[in-house]
Structure formats: C-alpha cells, structure tokens
Amino acid sequence: MAGVCGASGCLASPDRSLPTAPTSGWNQSRCDAQKTATSDVTVPERGNLAWGGGSGQMLSVVADQTVYTVDDDDGLTALNAQTGEHRWQTALDHDLDDTEPVGVSGGIINDQLLVATRGRLYSFSTADGSERWQRKLPGHVSSISTTVVPDRQIGLIDFTHGQKYYIIAVTAESGEIKWRDSVLRGGGRGLAVFDDHVYVTGTSKTGEEVLRCLEIDTGELIWQQGIADTDRYSTHVCVTSGVLIGEGADISVYDHSDGKQRASVELPHGRVRSIAVDDGTAFVLSESGLAAVSVPDGGRQWSLSRNPTRHFVRGPLAVGRESVVAPVFMESLGCPAVVAFERIDGTRRWHYTLGDDFACGTIWSQPVLADGAVFIDTSPHTVTALGDLSQQD
C-alpha cells in the first residue's frame, strides 16, 4: 500500500490506535439478518486513518472489540479493533480467487464465528480461534454468503454451484443441516430474515426473477413473487412495513404475508444501488445521488444529487446513530472516498480519500461500524480502521 495517501491520512503512515476501544458490533454482512445495514452506534467526529491490517478477503465482522478477517497467507485472523494488533490466527483450508475480492463469508453467533469458504463451512471459537466443527460443501462453489440468526442459533449459507442456487440451514451447535433448498436456477442478492421467514431473490426455472419467502425452520415455500430483471434490482431489506427492494429507480415494498406489492417509492437519482433502513426511514444510494425517504409512504426527507456535490456512486452504504457512511467516488478528488453524511439532513461531515490522482486505491466493501470507528476493506485486500484522530501528514 506504499504511496497510497489521502486527504485525511496516508495508508503508508505508521499505525495509530483508535482513541477508545470500539464497542458494539457488526456481526455479519449488512450488520444483521434483516440486512438493514444500520447499527445504533456513534460514528466518529472525524474519519482519519488509525491502522491497517489483515487482508479483507472476508467482509469484516466486528464483535467484542475484535475485527475478524481472512487472507491467503495467515488464514482466519482476529485483530484488536483499537490497535490492529493480532489476537490470534488460525489456518484455513480455502481456495481464494484473486480475481474476486471476496471468497469467504462469516458471521458471529454468541461466542462462535461461522466461516464459509468455497469448499467448506467452519465454526471457530471467537476466544482463541479453535475449531469447533466443519462441514464440506458440494464442490467449488461461488457467490457464497453467510447469514446468522442468533436468536434461533442457526446459520443460513447461500451459494451457487453448477446450474443451481443453494440455501442450507445449519445448527450453530453442531453444523447439522436442518433443511436445504435448490429450486432457483441462479442466485440474486443473498438472503434476508424477518420473524419466521427467509427471503431470497434469484432466477426461477422459467427464467423469471423472483422474490421467494421460505419458512425459517423447515425451508418450505410460503409464497413467490415476480420482480424486476436481475440487472435492475438491489439487495433486499426486511423491516416491519415489508420487504424493500430497489427496482430500477424505485423502491418496491412487498407484503410479508403474501408477497403482494404494497407500495412503490419513486426516487430521482437513477438506479438504486444500496438501501439501509432504520426507524421508518430508508437511506438510498443511487447512481447519481443519495436520499432519505419515509417508507412505505415515500415522503422525501432530504436528497443530494450528483451535481453539484458530485460524489457518488460506490456503495453499499451503512447507517449509524448520527451519520450515513458510504464509499463513493469524489470526482473533484479523482479517487474513491469514504464519506460521512449527517443523518438528519445529508450535510457532509467528513471524508477519507483513498489515494490521489496518481495512485488510487479501491474500496470494494460496505463500511463496518462500531462505536467510535469505521472499518473498510480496501485494495489490495487490507482492513483499514478510521477514527476521531488528527490528520496525519
């Protein structure tokens, strides 16, 4: 990473500890099983470089002041969230594809970390990295993701293998398979869970893109609903008002009970790329703007367009107590940046630029939030910690 510097720090600079140990956690991709990408944590007042480490081959998860990541050389690695120092490392038998940034997925249930690679599913102790159990997956899979449901002590693994899109539900205690589903021909945008239902998108046998609702304990189909073409819809999010999906430039809200569309919210910034939801407000990053709207009625609270602010789109975004944090492209600086916006009105609080016109890095993950810290996975596969520190030359 030598030579990759930014307006708020430089990745080649000596590591610094965050001012305080980050509390609270981000236990899986998009924070929770509902995939809301929202956590009740304080985003730091400034977003300057604290430390960089690990590899970012697994989308980072954070719990108990520890950041978990995976790389080719060191396997599964636990880092001190405040300092970046190694807590422990465990060898991991996995086959990473350097052409894809993410070949491993993980989620935390209490004191164990479920890790899915292209060939195996593992359970490790978060205390010391000791292996609890492992289960072989059917061959070299792709597009793998992990969704954990702590209150039910189960993990949901979805992946593509051959011509089918698979979902398996396993018990956290032993890795025993509770049920599996392989009806869809191709996968969509992962899974989301709400109450007793698991929601999945993908391609049906007839070639139609669908939203499916499955019973969480048995995997039985409850209903199925057609949605937009695969290149037009976004990752779905589950909230009390329904299942939210970005379809083209709109957000559609589908009813939990029968899959019927309850509402369609029109947005002004082109195709929807990412949605985060909290307390009846959807924060939406689109091709050329960022907006906050009420759901399901669609009342717009605030909106930022590409012109004149001109710092979109990278995505996906994350939401904390006071701020919306998004990886976006700031054309005025010519490089990707992590930007914190005021949650109440969209005012920009701070930005961290990854590089300059001569040496740009890449931000390919969603920001991970913990109290007082923002963690991002950057190219070439490094976990970067940002916090309330002075700018470092």
Protein backbone atom coordinates (compact mmCIF):
# COMPACT_ATOMS: atom_id res chain seq x y z
CA MET A 1 0.00 0.00 0.00
CA ALA A 2 3.05 2.29 -0.06
CA GLY A 3 2.36 5.60 -1.73
CA VAL A 4 -1.44 5.42 -1.42
CA CYS A 5 -2.24 8.58 0.52
CA GLY A 6 -5.38 10.57 1.13
CA ALA A 7 -6.70 13.93 2.23
CA SER A 8 -7.32 12.56 5.70
CA GLY A 9 -4.24 10.42 6.12
CA CYS A 10 -1.94 8.03 4.30
CA LEU A 11 -2.06 4.25 4.28
CA ALA A 12 1.75 4.14 4.38
CA SER A 13 1.81 6.05 7.68
CA PRO A 14 2.68 4.33 10.99
CA ASP A 15 -0.31 2.68 12.64
CA ARG A 16 -2.08 4.57 15.42
CA SER A 17 -4.50 3.29 18.00
CA LEU A 18 -8.08 4.50 17.96
CA PRO A 19 -8.82 6.88 20.88
CA THR A 20 -11.06 4.34 22.59
CA ALA A 21 -11.84 0.65 22.15
CA PRO A 22 -14.73 0.32 19.66
CA THR A 23 -17.73 -1.22 21.40
CA SER A 24 -20.88 -2.70 19.90
CA GLY A 25 -20.61 -4.85 16.83
CA TRP A 26 -21.34 -5.60 13.20
CA ASN A 27 -21.78 -9.36 13.37
CA GLN A 28 -22.32 -10.15 9.69
CA SER A 29 -22.59 -8.63 6.24
CA ARG A 30 -25.04 -5.70 6.31
CA CYS A 31 -24.99 -5.85 10.14
CA ASP A 32 -28.00 -8.08 10.87
CA ALA A 33 -30.12 -10.88 9.45
CA GLN A 34 -32.69 -8.33 8.22
CA LYS A 35 -29.85 -6.75 6.15
CA THR A 36 -30.79 -3.26 7.34
CA ALA A 37 -27.13 -2.06 7.29
CA THR A 38 -27.98 0.02 10.35
CA SER A 39 -26.50 -0.06 13.86
CA ASP A 40 -27.15 2.09 16.93
CA VAL A 41 -23.52 3.23 17.21
CA THR A 42 -21.77 6.59 17.17
CA VAL A 43 -19.82 7.36 14.01
CA PRO A 44 -16.58 9.25 14.91
CA GLU A 45 -16.48 13.05 14.55
CA ARG A 46 -13.53 12.68 12.19
CA GLY A 47 -12.58 9.84 9.87
CA ASN A 48 -8.80 9.72 9.81
CA LEU A 49 -6.55 6.69 9.47
CA ALA A 50 -5.80 4.78 12.64
CA TRP A 51 -4.39 1.45 11.43
CA GLY A 52 -4.45 -1.03 8.58
CA GLY A 53 -4.03 -4.80 8.77
CA GLY A 54 -5.37 -8.21 7.89
CA SER A 55 -6.39 -8.72 4.31
CA GLY A 56 -10.08 -8.10 3.86
CA GLN A 57 -10.59 -11.35 1.90
CA MET A 58 -13.64 -11.86 4.11
CA LEU A 59 -16.01 -8.94 4.56
CA SER A 60 -15.03 -7.80 8.03
CA VAL A 61 -17.18 -8.58 11.03
CA VAL A 62 -16.68 -6.92 14.41
CA ALA A 63 -17.63 -8.10 17.90
CA ASP A 64 -16.22 -7.73 21.42
CA GLN A 65 -13.62 -5.16 20.29
CA THR A 66 -12.25 -7.60 17.69
CA VAL A 67 -12.16 -7.44 13.88
CA TYR A 68 -12.20 -10.79 12.06
CA THR A 69 -10.76 -11.16 8.57
CA VAL A 70 -9.24 -13.82 6.28
CA ASP A 71 -6.25 -13.85 3.95
CA ASP A 72 -4.37 -16.38 1.86
CA ASP A 73 -1.21 -16.45 3.97
CA ASP A 74 -2.48 -16.25 7.54
CA GLY A 75 -5.91 -17.82 7.33
CA LEU A 76 -8.56 -16.60 9.76
CA THR A 77 -7.21 -13.62 11.74
CA ALA A 78 -8.58 -11.80 14.77
CA LEU A 79 -7.36 -8.21 15.18
CA ASN A 80 -7.62 -5.90 18.17
CA ALA A 81 -10.19 -3.38 16.94
CA GLN A 82 -8.48 -0.46 18.73
CA THR A 83 -4.85 -1.14 17.77
CA GLY A 84 -4.91 -3.57 14.84
CA GLU A 85 -2.66 -5.99 16.72
CA HIS A 86 -3.17 -9.72 16.17
CA ARG A 87 -5.13 -11.52 18.87
CA TRP A 88 -4.89 -14.93 17.19
CA GLN A 89 -4.63 -16.66 13.81
CA THR A 90 -5.98 -20.00 12.61
CA ALA A 91 -5.06 -21.88 9.45
CA LEU A 92 -7.92 -22.13 6.99
CA ASP A 93 -8.06 -24.64 4.17
CA HIS A 94 -9.51 -22.48 1.44
CA ASP A 95 -9.01 -21.61 -2.20
CA LEU A 96 -9.19 -17.88 -2.88
CA ASP A 97 -9.70 -16.48 -6.36
CA ASP A 98 -7.64 -13.32 -6.70
CA THR A 99 -9.95 -12.09 -9.46
CA GLU A 100 -12.76 -11.74 -6.92
CA PRO A 101 -12.29 -9.64 -3.77
CA VAL A 102 -14.48 -11.82 -1.56
CA GLY A 103 -14.14 -15.60 -1.48
CA VAL A 104 -15.05 -16.09 2.18
CA SER A 105 -18.06 -15.07 4.25
CA GLY A 106 -18.59 -15.07 8.01
CA GLY A 107 -20.99 -14.26 10.83
CA ILE A 108 -20.92 -14.37 14.63
CA ILE A 109 -23.37 -16.21 16.88
CA ASN A 110 -22.54 -15.54 20.53
CA ASP A 111 -19.01 -16.93 21.08
CA GLN A 112 -18.58 -18.66 17.73
CA LEU A 113 -17.71 -17.49 14.24
CA LEU A 114 -19.21 -19.30 11.25
CA VAL A 115 -16.95 -19.08 8.20
CA ALA A 116 -17.98 -20.27 4.74
CA THR A 117 -15.30 -20.77 2.09
CA ARG A 118 -15.67 -22.07 -1.46
CA GLY A 119 -15.33 -25.65 -0.25
CA ARG A 120 -16.18 -25.83 3.46
CA LEU A 121 -18.22 -24.39 6.29
CA TYR A 122 -16.46 -23.95 9.65
CA SER A 123 -17.23 -22.97 13.22
CA PHE A 124 -14.48 -21.36 15.31
CA SER A 125 -14.30 -20.09 18.88
CA THR A 126 -14.07 -16.30 18.93
CA ALA A 127 -11.94 -16.53 22.09
CA ASP A 128 -8.91 -18.32 20.60
CA GLY A 129 -9.73 -19.43 17.06
CA SER A 130 -10.02 -23.12 17.96
CA GLU A 131 -12.13 -25.14 15.53
CA ARG A 132 -15.44 -26.49 16.80
CA TRP A 133 -16.67 -28.28 13.68
CA GLN A 134 -16.51 -28.20 9.91
CA ARG A 135 -18.71 -29.41 7.07
CA LYS A 136 -17.85 -29.97 3.41
CA LEU A 137 -19.77 -28.02 0.77
CA PRO A 138 -20.62 -29.59 -2.62
CA GLY A 139 -17.55 -28.79 -4.69
CA HIS A 140 -16.06 -25.44 -5.66
CA VAL A 141 -18.94 -23.03 -5.03
CA SER A 142 -19.25 -19.34 -5.91
CA SER A 143 -21.08 -16.24 -4.73
CA ILE A 144 -21.15 -17.58 -1.19
CA SER A 145 -22.64 -15.61 1.72
CA THR A 146 -23.46 -16.28 5.36
CA THR A 147 -26.48 -15.06 7.32
CA VAL A 148 -26.61 -15.83 11.03
CA VAL A 149 -29.76 -15.80 13.17
CA PRO A 150 -28.51 -15.74 16.80
CA ASP A 151 -31.90 -15.98 18.49
CA ARG A 152 -32.54 -19.26 16.65
CA GLN A 153 -28.92 -20.48 16.79
CA ILE A 154 -28.80 -21.19 13.08
CA GLY A 155 -26.69 -20.16 10.12
CA LEU A 156 -28.01 -19.79 6.57
CA ILE A 157 -25.47 -20.32 3.78
CA ASP A 158 -26.34 -19.46 0.19
CA PHE A 159 -24.14 -20.14 -2.82
CA THR A 160 -24.11 -21.07 -6.49
CA HIS A 161 -22.87 -24.47 -7.64
CA GLY A 162 -23.24 -25.77 -11.15
CA GLN A 163 -26.55 -24.58 -12.56
CA LYS A 164 -28.29 -24.19 -9.20
CA TYR A 165 -28.53 -21.68 -6.37
CA TYR A 166 -28.43 -23.43 -2.98
CA ILE A 167 -29.52 -22.44 0.52
CA ILE A 168 -28.65 -24.59 3.50
CA ALA A 169 -29.70 -24.01 7.11
CA VAL A 170 -27.36 -25.41 9.76
CA THR A 171 -27.45 -25.54 13.54
CA ALA A 172 -24.76 -23.42 15.18
CA GLU A 173 -24.01 -26.05 17.81
CA SER A 174 -23.04 -28.94 15.52
CA GLY A 175 -23.33 -27.86 11.89
CA GLU A 176 -26.18 -30.33 11.35
CA ILE A 177 -28.23 -29.46 8.26
CA LYS A 178 -31.82 -28.55 9.17
CA TRP A 179 -33.01 -28.06 5.58
CA ARG A 180 -31.80 -27.19 2.11
CA ASP A 181 -33.32 -25.53 -0.94
CA SER A 182 -32.10 -25.62 -4.55
CA VAL A 183 -35.17 -24.58 -6.53
CA LEU A 184 -33.69 -21.43 -8.07
CA ARG A 185 -31.56 -21.70 -11.17
CA GLY A 186 -29.45 -18.65 -10.40
CA GLY A 187 -28.79 -16.54 -7.32
CA GLY A 188 -29.73 -12.93 -6.72
CA ARG A 189 -28.64 -10.71 -3.84
CA GLY A 190 -28.36 -13.05 -0.88
CA LEU A 191 -30.79 -13.70 1.97
CA ALA A 192 -32.72 -11.60 4.48
CA VAL A 193 -34.66 -12.79 7.53
CA PHE A 194 -37.72 -11.37 9.29
CA ASP A 195 -39.50 -13.23 12.10
CA ASP A 196 -40.21 -16.77 10.82
CA HIS A 197 -39.44 -16.03 7.18
CA VAL A 198 -36.36 -16.21 4.98
CA TYR A 199 -36.46 -14.07 1.83
CA VAL A 200 -34.35 -14.86 -1.22
CA THR A 201 -34.14 -13.48 -4.75
CA GLY A 202 -32.97 -15.26 -7.87
CA THR A 203 -33.90 -16.81 -11.22
CA SER A 204 -36.68 -19.39 -11.37
CA LYS A 205 -36.70 -22.42 -13.67
CA THR A 206 -38.80 -20.44 -16.14
CA GLY A 207 -36.20 -17.66 -16.28
CA GLU A 208 -38.27 -15.18 -14.25
CA GLU A 209 -36.61 -13.12 -11.50
CA VAL A 210 -38.48 -13.78 -8.27
CA LEU A 211 -38.65 -12.98 -4.57
CA ARG A 212 -39.29 -16.16 -2.56
CA CYS A 213 -40.47 -16.44 1.05
CA LEU A 214 -39.45 -19.61 2.94
CA GLU A 215 -40.34 -20.84 6.42
CA ILE A 216 -37.22 -20.49 8.56
CA ASP A 217 -37.48 -23.80 10.46
CA THR A 218 -38.36 -26.06 7.52
CA GLY A 219 -37.44 -24.22 4.32
CA GLU A 220 -40.95 -24.75 2.93
CA LEU A 221 -42.18 -22.24 0.35
CA ILE A 222 -44.76 -19.76 1.66
CA TRP A 223 -45.09 -17.58 -1.45
CA GLN A 224 -43.24 -16.44 -4.56
CA GLN A 225 -43.49 -13.09 -6.35
CA GLY A 226 -42.05 -11.90 -9.68
CA ILE A 227 -39.73 -8.86 -9.52
CA ALA A 228 -37.58 -6.79 -11.90
CA ASP A 229 -34.85 -8.17 -14.15
CA THR A 230 -31.70 -9.30 -12.37
CA ASP A 231 -29.61 -6.35 -13.57
CA ARG A 232 -32.18 -3.87 -12.25
CA TYR A 233 -32.84 -4.90 -8.65
CA SER A 234 -30.80 -4.39 -5.47
CA THR A 235 -30.21 -6.35 -2.28
CA HIS A 236 -33.46 -6.66 -0.35
CA VAL A 237 -34.02 -5.40 3.20
CA CYS A 238 -36.62 -6.61 5.71
CA VAL A 239 -38.42 -4.21 8.04
CA THR A 240 -41.80 -4.16 9.79
CA SER A 241 -43.52 -2.47 6.84
CA GLY A 242 -42.39 -5.17 4.38
CA VAL A 243 -39.56 -6.36 2.15
CA LEU A 244 -37.84 -3.47 0.39
CA ILE A 245 -36.12 -3.94 -2.98
CA GLY A 246 -34.64 -1.34 -5.28
CA GLU A 247 -36.16 -1.98 -8.70
CA GLY A 248 -34.68 0.34 -11.27
CA ALA A 249 -35.02 3.89 -9.92
CA ASP A 250 -37.81 2.94 -7.48
CA ILE A 251 -38.12 1.14 -4.16
CA SER A 252 -40.80 -1.54 -4.05
CA VAL A 253 -42.31 -2.68 -0.75
CA TYR A 254 -43.67 -6.26 -0.68
CA ASP A 255 -46.02 -7.55 2.00
CA HIS A 256 -44.60 -10.15 4.40
CA SER A 257 -47.75 -12.26 4.43
CA ASP A 258 -48.46 -12.81 0.72
CA GLY A 259 -45.77 -11.06 -1.34
CA LYS A 260 -48.12 -8.51 -2.88
CA GLN A 261 -46.61 -5.12 -3.64
CA ARG A 262 -47.76 -2.63 -1.00
CA ALA A 263 -46.06 0.49 -2.31
CA SER A 264 -43.62 1.85 -4.88
CA VAL A 265 -41.44 4.83 -3.97
CA GLU A 266 -40.02 6.85 -6.85
CA LEU A 267 -36.52 8.31 -6.39
CA PRO A 268 -34.81 10.98 -8.52
CA HIS A 269 -31.25 9.70 -8.87
CA GLY A 270 -31.35 6.76 -11.26
CA ARG A 271 -30.93 3.08 -10.50
CA VAL A 272 -30.99 2.16 -6.80
CA ARG A 273 -27.69 0.58 -5.74
CA SER A 274 -27.98 0.19 -1.96
CA ILE A 275 -30.61 0.58 0.77
CA ALA A 276 -30.22 0.93 4.55
CA VAL A 277 -33.28 1.26 6.77
CA ASP A 278 -33.88 2.47 10.31
CA ASP A 279 -36.95 3.67 12.21
CA GLY A 280 -39.16 4.03 9.15
CA THR A 281 -36.54 5.83 7.05
CA ALA A 282 -34.81 4.31 4.02
CA PHE A 283 -31.41 5.75 3.12
CA VAL A 284 -30.88 5.09 -0.58
CA LEU A 285 -27.68 5.35 -2.59
CA SER A 286 -28.45 5.54 -6.30
CA GLU A 287 -26.39 6.02 -9.45
CA SER A 288 -26.30 9.79 -9.11
CA GLY A 289 -27.45 10.69 -5.63
CA LEU A 290 -28.24 9.90 -2.01
CA ALA A 291 -31.67 10.31 -0.46
CA ALA A 292 -33.60 9.67 2.74
CA VAL A 293 -37.27 8.75 2.34
CA SER A 294 -40.03 7.55 4.62
CA VAL A 295 -41.30 4.04 3.98
CA PRO A 296 -43.76 2.88 2.86
CA ASP A 297 -45.43 6.29 2.18
CA GLY A 298 -42.45 7.64 0.20
CA GLY A 299 -42.17 11.09 1.76
CA ARG A 300 -38.76 12.52 0.90
CA GLN A 301 -36.80 13.84 3.90
CA TRP A 302 -33.69 15.03 2.06
CA SER A 303 -31.88 14.42 -1.20
CA LEU A 304 -28.35 15.03 -2.53
CA SER A 305 -27.73 14.93 -6.26
CA ARG A 306 -24.53 14.26 -8.14
CA ASN A 307 -24.48 17.78 -9.47
CA PRO A 308 -23.22 19.93 -7.77
CA THR A 309 -21.97 17.70 -4.92
CA ARG A 310 -20.65 15.12 -7.43
CA HIS A 311 -19.53 12.37 -5.08
CA PHE A 312 -21.45 9.25 -6.00
CA VAL A 313 -21.52 6.16 -6.54
CA ARG A 314 -19.53 3.36 -4.92
CA GLY A 315 -21.80 1.81 -2.29
CA PRO A 316 -23.10 -0.04 -0.39
CA LEU A 317 -23.81 2.33 2.49
CA ALA A 318 -24.13 1.92 6.27
CA VAL A 319 -26.04 3.95 8.87
CA GLY A 320 -25.11 4.79 12.45
CA ARG A 321 -26.81 6.83 15.14
CA GLU A 322 -25.99 10.27 13.68
CA SER A 323 -24.44 9.55 10.30
CA VAL A 324 -24.82 7.82 6.96
CA VAL A 325 -21.46 6.40 5.80
CA ALA A 326 -20.91 5.47 2.16
CA PRO A 327 -17.99 4.56 -0.10
CA VAL A 328 -18.44 6.95 -3.02
CA PHE A 329 -16.40 8.40 -5.85
CA MET A 330 -15.49 12.06 -5.41
CA GLU A 331 -14.83 13.35 -8.90
CA SER A 332 -13.29 16.55 -7.55
CA LEU A 333 -10.53 14.46 -5.95
CA GLY A 334 -10.38 11.78 -8.63
CA CYS A 335 -10.38 8.83 -6.22
CA PRO A 336 -12.76 6.72 -4.13
CA ALA A 337 -13.59 8.06 -0.66
CA VAL A 338 -15.48 7.07 2.47
CA VAL A 339 -17.89 9.91 3.28
CA ALA A 340 -19.93 10.51 6.44
CA PHE A 341 -23.16 12.49 5.94
CA GLU A 342 -25.40 13.92 8.65
CA ARG A 343 -28.29 11.55 9.05
CA ILE A 344 -30.81 14.33 9.66
CA ASP A 345 -30.20 16.41 6.51
CA GLY A 346 -27.38 14.86 4.44
CA THR A 347 -24.75 17.51 5.24
CA ARG A 348 -21.25 16.14 4.70
CA ARG A 349 -19.38 15.67 8.00
CA TRP A 350 -16.04 14.25 6.81
CA HIS A 351 -14.41 12.23 4.10
CA TYR A 352 -11.44 9.92 3.86
CA THR A 353 -9.91 9.74 0.40
CA LEU A 354 -8.16 6.58 -0.63
CA GLY A 355 -5.38 7.91 -2.82
CA ASP A 356 -4.92 10.82 -5.21
CA ASP A 357 -4.93 11.34 -8.96
CA PHE A 358 -1.69 9.39 -9.31
CA ALA A 359 -2.29 6.42 -7.02
CA CYS A 360 -5.89 5.46 -6.32
CA GLY A 361 -6.82 2.55 -4.13
CA THR A 362 -10.14 0.71 -4.27
CA ILE A 363 -12.92 0.46 -1.70
CA TRP A 364 -14.97 -2.62 -2.50
CA SER A 365 -16.87 -3.29 0.71
CA GLN A 366 -19.60 -1.81 2.82
CA PRO A 367 -18.34 0.26 5.78
CA VAL A 368 -18.47 -1.67 9.06
CA LEU A 369 -19.49 0.47 12.03
CA ALA A 370 -18.66 0.13 15.71
CA ASP A 371 -18.91 2.81 18.39
CA GLY A 372 -16.22 5.37 17.56
CA ALA A 373 -14.81 3.60 14.47
CA VAL A 374 -15.42 2.89 10.79
CA PHE A 375 -13.76 -0.16 9.22
CA ILE A 376 -13.43 -0.59 5.45
CA ASP A 377 -11.90 -3.26 3.23
CA THR A 378 -9.62 -1.71 0.64
CA SER A 379 -7.43 -2.80 -2.25
CA PRO A 380 -5.17 -4.67 -2.14
CA HIS A 381 -7.25 -6.52 0.46
CA THR A 382 -6.48 -4.57 3.63
CA VAL A 383 -8.75 -3.79 6.57
CA THR A 384 -8.49 -0.05 7.32
CA ALA A 385 -9.66 1.49 10.61
CA LEU A 386 -10.83 5.14 10.67
CA GLY A 387 -11.48 7.14 13.83
CA ASP A 388 -11.57 10.50 15.59
CA LEU A 389 -7.86 11.31 15.19
CA SER A 390 -5.96 14.31 13.90
CA GLN A 391 -4.92 14.34 10.28
CA GLN A 392 -1.50 12.81 9.82
CA ASP A 393 0.97 14.06 7.25
